[in-house]
Amino acid sequence: MKILVIAAHYDDAEIGCGGTIMKHISAGDEIRYAITSADEYRTGDPQERLDEQCDVLKRMGLNTTDMILFSYRDELSTIIGTLDSFKPDIVFTHFENDTHQEHARASTIGQAVGRKRGITTVFYDSGSSYNFTPNIFSMIDFDEKMYLLEVFKSQIAAEAISLDIIKRKNAYWSTLITNNPSGYAEGFVVRKMKWII
């Protein structure tokens, strides 16, 4: 499958769906990352954050050529047109109800790319969503997810990432679908999905 991961900032996707993306990579799926506000400077030095994301891609076994960077100034139609050409099977994007304006913008982009028939659109929470009630869950290896998240040292130092909160949230999602007290899961909202049996 072709998987398109859309994130406003460099760490958003790993927070919301990093464990599940690793499962797609293990399955041999083709992954493409799109960062829609790559030059946004309020959350830290863009170059430092890019370097961290490149290190994460390396840990995932991906290349920097698997990532497309956009400016927060780019027109939505330009971004959507570029991402349409990838023809993904699944789009992972921010949940639409989000207090961060760049996350909400990325969600709009993801929904537009996922508008076509045959594309499953999956919404994740990167920490600032509201009214987020998952209706589908993915069991993950949290150590593998932590291996990715620990790279974002600038955001951990700025307290923009709380590894403890992410771990507790993923542990809670697991309790909704399994009796395993030491399990972890990522929760998603799926609005349009092709059921394959």
C-alpha atoms as a PDB file:
ATOM      1  CA  MET A   1       0.000   0.000   0.000  1.00  0.00           C
ATOM      2  CA  LYS A   2       0.943   3.637  -0.409  1.00  0.00           C
ATOM      3  CA  ILE A   3       0.760   5.532   2.875  1.00  0.00           C
ATOM      4  CA  LEU A   4       0.751   9.328   3.030  1.00  0.00           C
ATOM      5  CA  VAL A   5       1.520  10.812   6.447  1.00  0.00           C
ATOM      6  CA  ILE A   6       0.576  14.477   6.733  1.00  0.00           C
ATOM      7  CA  ALA A   7       1.857  16.546   9.650  1.00  0.00           C
ATOM      8  CA  ALA A   8       1.990  20.266  10.283  1.00  0.00           C
ATOM      9  CA  HIS A   9       5.275  20.019  12.198  1.00  0.00           C
ATOM     10  CA  TYR A  10       8.158  17.602  12.342  1.00  0.00           C
ATOM     11  CA  ASP A  11       7.127  15.609  15.447  1.00  0.00           C
ATOM     12  CA  ASP A  12       3.339  15.574  15.064  1.00  0.00           C
ATOM     13  CA  ALA A  13       2.999  12.285  13.204  1.00  0.00           C
ATOM     14  CA  GLU A  14       5.311  10.374  15.522  1.00  0.00           C
ATOM     15  CA  ILE A  15       3.250  11.534  18.511  1.00  0.00           C
ATOM     16  CA  GLY A  16      -0.054  10.549  16.933  1.00  0.00           C
ATOM     17  CA  CYS A  17       0.728   7.552  14.754  1.00  0.00           C
ATOM     18  CA  GLY A  18       4.442   6.706  14.935  1.00  0.00           C
ATOM     19  CA  GLY A  19       3.870   3.163  16.169  1.00  0.00           C
ATOM     20  CA  THR A  20       1.356   2.421  13.426  1.00  0.00           C
ATOM     21  CA  ILE A  21       3.602   3.882  10.734  1.00  0.00           C
ATOM     22  CA  MET A  22       6.330   1.521  11.915  1.00  0.00           C
ATOM     23  CA  LYS A  23       3.903  -1.369  11.385  1.00  0.00           C
ATOM     24  CA  HIS A  24       3.259  -0.190   7.832  1.00  0.00           C
ATOM     25  CA  ILE A  25       7.002  -0.003   7.208  1.00  0.00           C
ATOM     26  CA  SER A  26       7.436  -3.554   8.559  1.00  0.00           C
ATOM     27  CA  ALA A  27       4.671  -4.682   6.194  1.00  0.00           C
ATOM     28  CA  GLY A  28       6.640  -3.278   3.248  1.00  0.00           C
ATOM     29  CA  ASP A  29       4.262  -0.403   2.501  1.00  0.00           C
ATOM     30  CA  GLU A  30       5.531   2.690   0.678  1.00  0.00           C
ATOM     31  CA  ILE A  31       5.609   5.691   3.014  1.00  0.00           C
ATOM     32  CA  ARG A  32       5.610   9.357   2.071  1.00  0.00           C
ATOM     33  CA  TYR A  33       5.797  12.145   4.670  1.00  0.00           C
ATOM     34  CA  ALA A  34       4.421  15.636   4.036  1.00  0.00           C
ATOM     35  CA  ILE A  35       5.260  18.428   6.482  1.00  0.00           C
ATOM     36  CA  THR A  36       2.896  21.296   5.728  1.00  0.00           C
ATOM     37  CA  SER A  37       4.480  24.000   7.928  1.00  0.00           C
ATOM     38  CA  ALA A  38       8.133  23.024   7.708  1.00  0.00           C
ATOM     39  CA  ASP A  39       9.394  26.594   8.125  1.00  0.00           C
ATOM     40  CA  GLU A  40       7.154  27.521  11.067  1.00  0.00           C
ATOM     41  CA  TYR A  41       9.532  29.121  13.579  1.00  0.00           C
ATOM     42  CA  ARG A  42       7.370  29.632  16.691  1.00  0.00           C
ATOM     43  CA  THR A  43       7.876  26.026  17.791  1.00  0.00           C
ATOM     44  CA  GLY A  44      11.661  26.088  17.508  1.00  0.00           C
ATOM     45  CA  ASP A  45      14.477  26.542  15.028  1.00  0.00           C
ATOM     46  CA  PRO A  46      13.252  25.057  11.704  1.00  0.00           C
ATOM     47  CA  GLN A  47      16.700  23.717  10.762  1.00  0.00           C
ATOM     48  CA  GLU A  48      17.190  22.000  14.120  1.00  0.00           C
ATOM     49  CA  ARG A  49      13.743  20.455  13.850  1.00  0.00           C
ATOM     50  CA  LEU A  50      14.413  19.317  10.278  1.00  0.00           C
ATOM     51  CA  ASP A  51      17.644  17.655  11.412  1.00  0.00           C
ATOM     52  CA  GLU A  52      15.704  15.801  14.121  1.00  0.00           C
ATOM     53  CA  GLN A  53      13.096  14.644  11.611  1.00  0.00           C
ATOM     54  CA  CYS A  54      15.789  13.395   9.245  1.00  0.00           C
ATOM     55  CA  ASP A  55      17.262  11.369  12.114  1.00  0.00           C
ATOM     56  CA  VAL A  56      13.810   9.899  12.790  1.00  0.00           C
ATOM     57  CA  LEU A  57      13.387   8.943   9.129  1.00  0.00           C
ATOM     58  CA  LYS A  58      16.757   7.203   9.308  1.00  0.00           C
ATOM     59  CA  ARG A  59      15.616   5.264  12.376  1.00  0.00           C
ATOM     60  CA  MET A  60      12.491   4.261  10.458  1.00  0.00           C
ATOM     61  CA  GLY A  61      14.569   3.008   7.555  1.00  0.00           C
ATOM     62  CA  LEU A  62      13.297   5.786   5.281  1.00  0.00           C
ATOM     63  CA  ASN A  63      15.191   8.353   3.243  1.00  0.00           C
ATOM     64  CA  THR A  64      14.908  12.134   3.232  1.00  0.00           C
ATOM     65  CA  THR A  65      13.570  11.762  -0.320  1.00  0.00           C
ATOM     66  CA  ASP A  66      10.485  10.146   1.274  1.00  0.00           C
ATOM     67  CA  MET A  67       9.613  13.540   2.784  1.00  0.00           C
ATOM     68  CA  ILE A  68       8.070  16.590   1.092  1.00  0.00           C
ATOM     69  CA  LEU A  69       8.387  19.959   2.809  1.00  0.00           C
ATOM     70  CA  PHE A  70       5.928  22.826   2.403  1.00  0.00           C
ATOM     71  CA  SER A  71       5.853  26.346   3.783  1.00  0.00           C
ATOM     72  CA  TYR A  72       3.058  27.564   6.022  1.00  0.00           C
ATOM     73  CA  ARG A  73       2.673  30.294   3.380  1.00  0.00           C
ATOM     74  CA  ASP A  74       2.004  27.846   0.510  1.00  0.00           C
ATOM     75  CA  GLU A  75      -1.451  27.864  -1.035  1.00  0.00           C
ATOM     76  CA  LEU A  76      -3.616  24.894  -0.076  1.00  0.00           C
ATOM     77  CA  SER A  77      -4.318  24.128  -3.729  1.00  0.00           C
ATOM     78  CA  THR A  78      -0.578  23.851  -4.447  1.00  0.00           C
ATOM     79  CA  ILE A  79       0.010  21.445  -1.555  1.00  0.00           C
ATOM     80  CA  ILE A  80      -3.063  19.343  -2.317  1.00  0.00           C
ATOM     81  CA  GLY A  81      -2.189  19.103  -6.009  1.00  0.00           C
ATOM     82  CA  THR A  82       1.332  17.936  -5.190  1.00  0.00           C
ATOM     83  CA  LEU A  83       0.112  15.311  -2.710  1.00  0.00           C
ATOM     84  CA  ASP A  84      -2.663  14.100  -5.032  1.00  0.00           C
ATOM     85  CA  SER A  85       0.044  12.920  -7.439  1.00  0.00           C
ATOM     86  CA  PHE A  86       1.262  10.347  -4.883  1.00  0.00           C
ATOM     87  CA  LYS A  87      -2.129   8.539  -5.157  1.00  0.00           C
ATOM     88  CA  PRO A  88      -2.143   7.143  -1.615  1.00  0.00           C
ATOM     89  CA  ASP A  89      -4.243   4.242  -0.370  1.00  0.00           C
ATOM     90  CA  ILE A  90      -4.270   5.617   3.189  1.00  0.00           C
ATOM     91  CA  VAL A  91      -3.858   9.193   4.431  1.00  0.00           C
ATOM     92  CA  PHE A  92      -2.902   9.825   8.068  1.00  0.00           C
ATOM     93  CA  THR A  93      -3.624  13.420   9.061  1.00  0.00           C
ATOM     94  CA  HIS A  94      -4.397  15.612  12.066  1.00  0.00           C
ATOM     95  CA  PHE A  95      -7.856  15.452  13.597  1.00  0.00           C
ATOM     96  CA  GLU A  96      -9.896  18.417  12.392  1.00  0.00           C
ATOM     97  CA  ASN A  97     -10.817  19.726  15.865  1.00  0.00           C
ATOM     98  CA  ASP A  98      -7.473  21.053  16.990  1.00  0.00           C
ATOM     99  CA  THR A  99      -6.499  24.157  18.936  1.00  0.00           C
ATOM    100  CA  HIS A 100      -3.362  24.714  16.849  1.00  0.00           C
ATOM    101  CA  GLN A 101      -4.126  26.565  13.626  1.00  0.00           C
ATOM    102  CA  GLU A 102      -1.384  24.778  11.662  1.00  0.00           C
ATOM    103  CA  HIS A 103      -2.736  21.374  12.764  1.00  0.00           C
ATOM    104  CA  ALA A 104      -6.230  22.355  11.628  1.00  0.00           C
ATOM    105  CA  ARG A 105      -4.793  23.479   8.286  1.00  0.00           C
ATOM    106  CA  ALA A 106      -2.965  20.143   7.865  1.00  0.00           C
ATOM    107  CA  SER A 107      -6.227  18.325   8.598  1.00  0.00           C
ATOM    108  CA  THR A 108      -7.962  20.295   5.850  1.00  0.00           C
ATOM    109  CA  ILE A 109      -5.185  19.309   3.452  1.00  0.00           C
ATOM    110  CA  GLY A 110      -5.433  15.647   4.471  1.00  0.00           C
ATOM    111  CA  GLN A 111      -9.185  15.577   4.025  1.00  0.00           C
ATOM    112  CA  ALA A 112      -8.870  17.116   0.571  1.00  0.00           C
ATOM    113  CA  VAL A 113      -6.267  14.555  -0.517  1.00  0.00           C
ATOM    114  CA  GLY A 114      -8.444  11.781   0.946  1.00  0.00           C
ATOM    115  CA  ARG A 115     -11.549  12.961  -0.895  1.00  0.00           C
ATOM    116  CA  LYS A 116     -11.156  10.490  -3.746  1.00  0.00           C
ATOM    117  CA  ARG A 117     -12.751   7.053  -3.826  1.00  0.00           C
ATOM    118  CA  GLY A 118     -10.635   4.201  -2.538  1.00  0.00           C
ATOM    119  CA  ILE A 119      -8.602   6.352  -0.142  1.00  0.00           C
ATOM    120  CA  THR A 120      -8.954   5.675   3.570  1.00  0.00           C
ATOM    121  CA  THR A 121      -8.525   8.823   5.667  1.00  0.00           C
ATOM    122  CA  VAL A 122      -7.314   8.319   9.229  1.00  0.00           C
ATOM    123  CA  PHE A 123      -7.209  11.127  11.795  1.00  0.00           C
ATOM    124  CA  TYR A 124      -4.709  11.155  14.665  1.00  0.00           C
ATOM    125  CA  ASP A 125      -4.292  13.307  17.765  1.00  0.00           C
ATOM    126  CA  SER A 126      -0.910  14.982  18.122  1.00  0.00           C
ATOM    127  CA  GLY A 127      -1.712  16.326  21.569  1.00  0.00           C
ATOM    128  CA  SER A 128      -3.860  19.402  21.014  1.00  0.00           C
ATOM    129  CA  SER A 129      -7.072  17.923  19.598  1.00  0.00           C
ATOM    130  CA  TYR A 130     -10.414  18.319  21.340  1.00  0.00           C
ATOM    131  CA  ASN A 131     -13.511  16.094  21.137  1.00  0.00           C
ATOM    132  CA  PHE A 132     -11.210  13.340  19.905  1.00  0.00           C
ATOM    133  CA  THR A 133     -12.996  10.007  20.380  1.00  0.00           C
ATOM    134  CA  PRO A 134     -11.201   7.187  18.572  1.00  0.00           C
ATOM    135  CA  ASN A 135     -13.261   4.563  16.803  1.00  0.00           C
ATOM    136  CA  ILE A 136     -10.395   2.396  15.580  1.00  0.00           C
ATOM    137  CA  PHE A 137      -7.228   1.294  17.373  1.00  0.00           C
ATOM    138  CA  SER A 138      -3.819  -0.074  16.455  1.00  0.00           C
ATOM    139  CA  MET A 139      -1.761  -2.100  18.930  1.00  0.00           C
ATOM    140  CA  ILE A 140       1.834  -0.862  18.878  1.00  0.00           C
ATOM    141  CA  ASP A 141       5.277  -1.570  20.240  1.00  0.00           C
ATOM    142  CA  PHE A 142       5.724   1.454  22.494  1.00  0.00           C
ATOM    143  CA  ASP A 143       9.498   0.920  22.839  1.00  0.00           C
ATOM    144  CA  GLU A 144       9.698   1.304  19.061  1.00  0.00           C
ATOM    145  CA  LYS A 145       7.644   4.501  19.239  1.00  0.00           C
ATOM    146  CA  MET A 146       9.809   5.831  22.078  1.00  0.00           C
ATOM    147  CA  TYR A 147      12.891   5.115  19.935  1.00  0.00           C
ATOM    148  CA  LEU A 148      11.486   7.647  17.455  1.00  0.00           C
ATOM    149  CA  LEU A 149      10.179  10.232  19.918  1.00  0.00           C
ATOM    150  CA  GLU A 150      13.408  10.520  21.910  1.00  0.00           C
ATOM    151  CA  VAL A 151      15.087  12.057  18.860  1.00  0.00           C
ATOM    152  CA  PHE A 152      12.999  15.232  19.204  1.00  0.00           C
ATOM    153  CA  LYS A 153      15.223  16.612  21.944  1.00  0.00           C
ATOM    154  CA  SER A 154      14.423  20.261  21.172  1.00  0.00           C
ATOM    155  CA  GLN A 155      10.703  19.671  21.712  1.00  0.00           C
ATOM    156  CA  ILE A 156      11.195  17.530  24.804  1.00  0.00           C
ATOM    157  CA  ALA A 157      13.383  20.285  26.305  1.00  0.00           C
ATOM    158  CA  ALA A 158      10.743  22.909  25.440  1.00  0.00           C
ATOM    159  CA  GLU A 159       8.102  20.672  27.093  1.00  0.00           C
ATOM    160  CA  ALA A 160       6.155  20.575  23.828  1.00  0.00           C
ATOM    161  CA  ILE A 161       6.447  16.780  24.003  1.00  0.00           C
ATOM    162  CA  SER A 162       5.654  14.907  27.210  1.00  0.00           C
ATOM    163  CA  LEU A 163       6.772  11.314  26.782  1.00  0.00           C
ATOM    164  CA  ASP A 164       4.947  10.346  29.981  1.00  0.00           C
ATOM    165  CA  ILE A 165       1.595  11.708  28.773  1.00  0.00           C
ATOM    166  CA  ILE A 166       1.971  10.000  25.391  1.00  0.00           C
ATOM    167  CA  LYS A 167       2.814   6.708  27.095  1.00  0.00           C
ATOM    168  CA  ARG A 168      -0.175   6.951  29.457  1.00  0.00           C
ATOM    169  CA  LYS A 169      -2.525   7.847  26.611  1.00  0.00           C
ATOM    170  CA  ASN A 170      -1.350   4.900  24.498  1.00  0.00           C
ATOM    171  CA  ALA A 171      -1.679   2.589  27.507  1.00  0.00           C
ATOM    172  CA  TYR A 172      -5.249   3.811  28.053  1.00  0.00           C
ATOM    173  CA  TRP A 173      -6.250   3.246  24.411  1.00  0.00           C
ATOM    174  CA  SER A 174      -5.004  -0.324  24.782  1.00  0.00           C
ATOM    175  CA  THR A 175      -7.327  -0.978  27.743  1.00  0.00           C
ATOM    176  CA  LEU A 176     -10.318  -0.276  25.493  1.00  0.00           C
ATOM    177  CA  ILE A 177      -9.538  -3.181  23.169  1.00  0.00           C
ATOM    178  CA  THR A 178      -7.482  -5.728  25.103  1.00  0.00           C
ATOM    179  CA  ASN A 179      -7.080  -7.281  28.544  1.00  0.00           C
ATOM    180  CA  ASN A 180      -3.297  -6.998  28.315  1.00  0.00           C
ATOM    181  CA  PRO A 181      -2.322  -4.664  31.199  1.00  0.00           C
ATOM    182  CA  SER A 182       1.044  -3.898  29.612  1.00  0.00           C
ATOM    183  CA  GLY A 183      -0.233  -3.216  26.088  1.00  0.00           C
ATOM    184  CA  TYR A 184      -0.136   0.033  24.117  1.00  0.00           C
ATOM    185  CA  ALA A 185      -2.315   1.271  21.279  1.00  0.00           C
ATOM    186  CA  GLU A 186      -2.781   4.332  19.131  1.00  0.00           C
ATOM    187  CA  GLY A 187      -6.332   5.596  18.695  1.00  0.00           C
ATOM    188  CA  PHE A 188      -7.698   7.025  15.458  1.00  0.00           C
ATOM    189  CA  VAL A 189     -10.877   8.460  14.026  1.00  0.00           C
ATOM    190  CA  VAL A 190     -11.819   6.991  10.661  1.00  0.00           C
ATOM    191  CA  ARG A 191     -14.582   8.652   8.705  1.00  0.00           C
ATOM    192  CA  LYS A 192     -14.212   6.875   5.352  1.00  0.00           C
ATOM    193  CA  MET A 193     -12.725   3.416   5.082  1.00  0.00           C
ATOM    194  CA  LYS A 194     -12.697   0.565   2.605  1.00  0.00           C
ATOM    195  CA  TRP A 195     -13.250  -2.627   4.605  1.00  0.00           C
ATOM    196  CA  ILE A 196     -10.957  -5.420   3.406  1.00  0.00           C
ATOM    197  CA  ILE A 197     -11.443  -9.002   4.625  1.00  0.00           C
END
